[in-house]
Amino acid sequence: MKLSSCLIALAVLLAGCGESRQAAAPPPAKLFAPQREALDKAKGVEQTVNQQAEQQKQEAERQAE
């Protein structure tokens, strides 16, 4: 009787320690998303500034001729 009680208790403990089948966890938050957005915006501004500088350079060269 004692052996069967121990086996039942062991089976219950092992079943309790098994893998849980809970609902899937939500996806993790996007890390550094605001920083990436700021970096992308800065790259866009840099491209605009470079284009304007190139246009000014061409205009200056054209006027120098």
N, C-alpha and C. Protein backbone atom coordinates (compact mmCIF):
# COMPACT_ATOMS: atom_id res chain seq x y z
N MET A 1 0.82 -1.19 0.00
CA MET A 1 0.00 0.00 0.00
C MET A 1 0.87 1.26 0.00
N LYS A 2 1.93 1.22 0.79
CA LYS A 2 2.82 2.36 0.88
C LYS A 2 3.51 2.60 -0.46
N LEU A 3 3.90 1.52 -1.14
CA LEU A 3 4.57 1.63 -2.44
C LEU A 3 3.63 2.22 -3.48
N SER A 4 2.39 1.79 -3.51
CA SER A 4 1.44 2.32 -4.48
C SER A 4 1.15 3.80 -4.22
N SER A 5 1.08 4.20 -2.95
CA SER A 5 0.87 5.61 -2.61
C SER A 5 2.05 6.45 -3.08
N CYS A 6 3.25 5.93 -2.92
CA CYS A 6 4.45 6.65 -3.35
C CYS A 6 4.47 6.77 -4.87
N LEU A 7 4.08 5.70 -5.58
CA LEU A 7 4.06 5.74 -7.04
C LEU A 7 3.03 6.74 -7.56
N ILE A 8 1.87 6.77 -6.91
CA ILE A 8 0.84 7.72 -7.32
C ILE A 8 1.32 9.16 -7.07
N ALA A 9 1.92 9.39 -5.91
CA ALA A 9 2.44 10.72 -5.60
C ALA A 9 3.52 11.12 -6.60
N LEU A 10 4.38 10.20 -6.95
CA LEU A 10 5.44 10.47 -7.92
C LEU A 10 4.85 10.79 -9.30
N ALA A 11 3.83 10.05 -9.70
CA ALA A 11 3.19 10.29 -10.99
C ALA A 11 2.53 11.68 -11.02
N VAL A 12 1.90 12.07 -9.92
CA VAL A 12 1.26 13.38 -9.84
C VAL A 12 2.32 14.48 -9.91
N LEU A 13 3.43 14.31 -9.21
CA LEU A 13 4.49 15.31 -9.24
C LEU A 13 5.09 15.44 -10.63
N LEU A 14 5.33 14.32 -11.28
CA LEU A 14 5.90 14.36 -12.62
C LEU A 14 4.93 14.99 -13.61
N ALA A 15 3.66 14.73 -13.47
CA ALA A 15 2.67 15.32 -14.36
C ALA A 15 2.60 16.83 -14.13
N GLY A 16 2.74 17.24 -12.89
CA GLY A 16 2.70 18.66 -12.56
C GLY A 16 3.91 19.41 -13.07
N CYS A 17 5.03 18.73 -13.22
CA CYS A 17 6.25 19.37 -13.70
C CYS A 17 6.37 19.33 -15.22
N GLY A 18 5.39 18.75 -15.86
CA GLY A 18 5.45 18.63 -17.31
C GLY A 18 5.32 19.97 -18.00
N GLU A 19 5.43 19.94 -19.29
CA GLU A 19 5.35 21.14 -20.11
C GLU A 19 3.93 21.69 -20.05
N SER A 20 3.81 22.98 -19.79
CA SER A 20 2.48 23.57 -19.74
C SER A 20 2.06 23.96 -21.15
N ARG A 21 0.81 23.90 -21.40
CA ARG A 21 0.28 24.23 -22.73
C ARG A 21 -0.56 25.49 -22.63
N GLN A 22 0.10 26.56 -22.24
CA GLN A 22 -0.59 27.84 -22.11
C GLN A 22 -0.66 28.50 -23.48
N ALA A 23 -1.48 29.52 -23.54
CA ALA A 23 -1.60 30.28 -24.79
C ALA A 23 -0.24 30.87 -25.13
N ALA A 24 0.00 31.02 -26.41
CA ALA A 24 1.29 31.55 -26.86
C ALA A 24 1.50 32.94 -26.28
N ALA A 25 2.71 33.21 -25.87
CA ALA A 25 3.05 34.50 -25.30
C ALA A 25 3.05 35.55 -26.41
N PRO A 26 2.72 36.77 -26.07
CA PRO A 26 2.74 37.82 -27.10
C PRO A 26 4.18 38.02 -27.60
N PRO A 27 4.33 38.49 -28.81
CA PRO A 27 5.68 38.68 -29.33
C PRO A 27 6.41 39.73 -28.49
N PRO A 28 7.71 39.59 -28.38
CA PRO A 28 8.46 40.54 -27.55
C PRO A 28 8.39 41.95 -28.14
N ALA A 29 8.49 42.91 -27.28
CA ALA A 29 8.45 44.30 -27.73
C ALA A 29 9.66 44.57 -28.61
N LYS A 30 9.47 45.41 -29.59
CA LYS A 30 10.56 45.75 -30.49
C LYS A 30 11.54 46.64 -29.72
N LEU A 31 12.74 46.11 -29.56
CA LEU A 31 13.75 46.85 -28.82
C LEU A 31 14.33 47.95 -29.69
N PHE A 32 14.56 49.06 -29.09
CA PHE A 32 15.21 50.20 -29.73
C PHE A 32 14.44 50.73 -30.94
N ALA A 33 13.15 50.49 -31.04
CA ALA A 33 12.37 50.98 -32.19
C ALA A 33 12.42 52.50 -32.30
N PRO A 34 12.26 53.26 -31.22
CA PRO A 34 12.33 54.72 -31.36
C PRO A 34 13.70 55.19 -31.85
N GLN A 35 14.75 54.53 -31.37
CA GLN A 35 16.09 54.92 -31.81
C GLN A 35 16.30 54.61 -33.28
N ARG A 36 15.77 53.47 -33.74
CA ARG A 36 15.90 53.13 -35.17
C ARG A 36 15.14 54.13 -36.03
N GLU A 37 13.95 54.53 -35.57
CA GLU A 37 13.17 55.51 -36.32
C GLU A 37 13.90 56.83 -36.41
N ALA A 38 14.51 57.25 -35.30
CA ALA A 38 15.27 58.50 -35.30
C ALA A 38 16.47 58.41 -36.23
N LEU A 39 17.13 57.26 -36.25
CA LEU A 39 18.28 57.07 -37.13
C LEU A 39 17.86 57.12 -38.60
N ASP A 40 16.75 56.47 -38.91
CA ASP A 40 16.24 56.50 -40.30
C ASP A 40 15.89 57.93 -40.72
N LYS A 41 15.28 58.67 -39.81
CA LYS A 41 14.92 60.05 -40.10
C LYS A 41 16.18 60.89 -40.33
N ALA A 42 17.20 60.67 -39.50
CA ALA A 42 18.45 61.41 -39.65
C ALA A 42 19.13 61.08 -40.97
N LYS A 43 19.05 59.83 -41.39
CA LYS A 43 19.64 59.45 -42.68
C LYS A 43 18.91 60.16 -43.82
N GLY A 44 17.61 60.28 -43.72
CA GLY A 44 16.83 60.99 -44.73
C GLY A 44 17.20 62.46 -44.79
N VAL A 45 17.39 63.07 -43.61
CA VAL A 45 17.78 64.48 -43.55
C VAL A 45 19.18 64.64 -44.15
N GLU A 46 20.06 63.71 -43.85
CA GLU A 46 21.42 63.78 -44.38
C GLU A 46 21.41 63.73 -45.91
N GLN A 47 20.59 62.86 -46.44
CA GLN A 47 20.50 62.74 -47.90
C GLN A 47 20.00 64.05 -48.52
N THR A 48 19.00 64.66 -47.89
CA THR A 48 18.46 65.93 -48.39
C THR A 48 19.53 67.03 -48.33
N VAL A 49 20.27 67.09 -47.23
CA VAL A 49 21.31 68.10 -47.08
C VAL A 49 22.40 67.88 -48.13
N ASN A 50 22.79 66.64 -48.37
CA ASN A 50 23.81 66.36 -49.37
C ASN A 50 23.34 66.75 -50.77
N GLN A 51 22.09 66.50 -51.07
CA GLN A 51 21.55 66.87 -52.38
C GLN A 51 21.56 68.39 -52.55
N GLN A 52 21.17 69.10 -51.52
CA GLN A 52 21.16 70.57 -51.60
C GLN A 52 22.57 71.11 -51.73
N ALA A 53 23.52 70.52 -51.03
CA ALA A 53 24.91 70.96 -51.12
C ALA A 53 25.44 70.73 -52.54
N GLU A 54 25.10 69.60 -53.11
CA GLU A 54 25.53 69.31 -54.49
C GLU A 54 24.91 70.30 -55.47
N GLN A 55 23.65 70.64 -55.28
CA GLN A 55 23.00 71.61 -56.16
C GLN A 55 23.65 72.98 -56.03
N GLN A 56 23.98 73.39 -54.81
CA GLN A 56 24.64 74.68 -54.61
C GLN A 56 26.02 74.69 -55.25
N LYS A 57 26.72 73.57 -55.13
CA LYS A 57 28.05 73.46 -55.74
C LYS A 57 27.96 73.58 -57.25
N GLN A 58 27.00 72.90 -57.83
CA GLN A 58 26.83 72.97 -59.29
C GLN A 58 26.43 74.38 -59.73
N GLU A 59 25.56 75.02 -58.95
CA GLU A 59 25.14 76.39 -59.27
C GLU A 59 26.32 77.35 -59.18
N ALA A 60 27.17 77.18 -58.18
CA ALA A 60 28.35 78.04 -58.03
C ALA A 60 29.31 77.84 -59.19
N GLU A 61 29.52 76.59 -59.60
CA GLU A 61 30.40 76.29 -60.72
C GLU A 61 29.84 76.86 -62.02
N ARG A 62 28.53 76.80 -62.17
CA ARG A 62 27.89 77.32 -63.38
C ARG A 62 28.02 78.85 -63.45
N GLN A 63 27.89 79.51 -62.32
CA GLN A 63 28.00 80.97 -62.29
C GLN A 63 29.46 81.42 -62.47
N ALA A 64 30.41 80.57 -62.09
CA ALA A 64 31.82 80.93 -62.21
C ALA A 64 32.28 80.88 -63.66
N GLU A 65 31.57 80.19 -64.50
CA GLU A 65 31.99 80.06 -65.92
C GLU A 65 31.77 81.31 -66.70
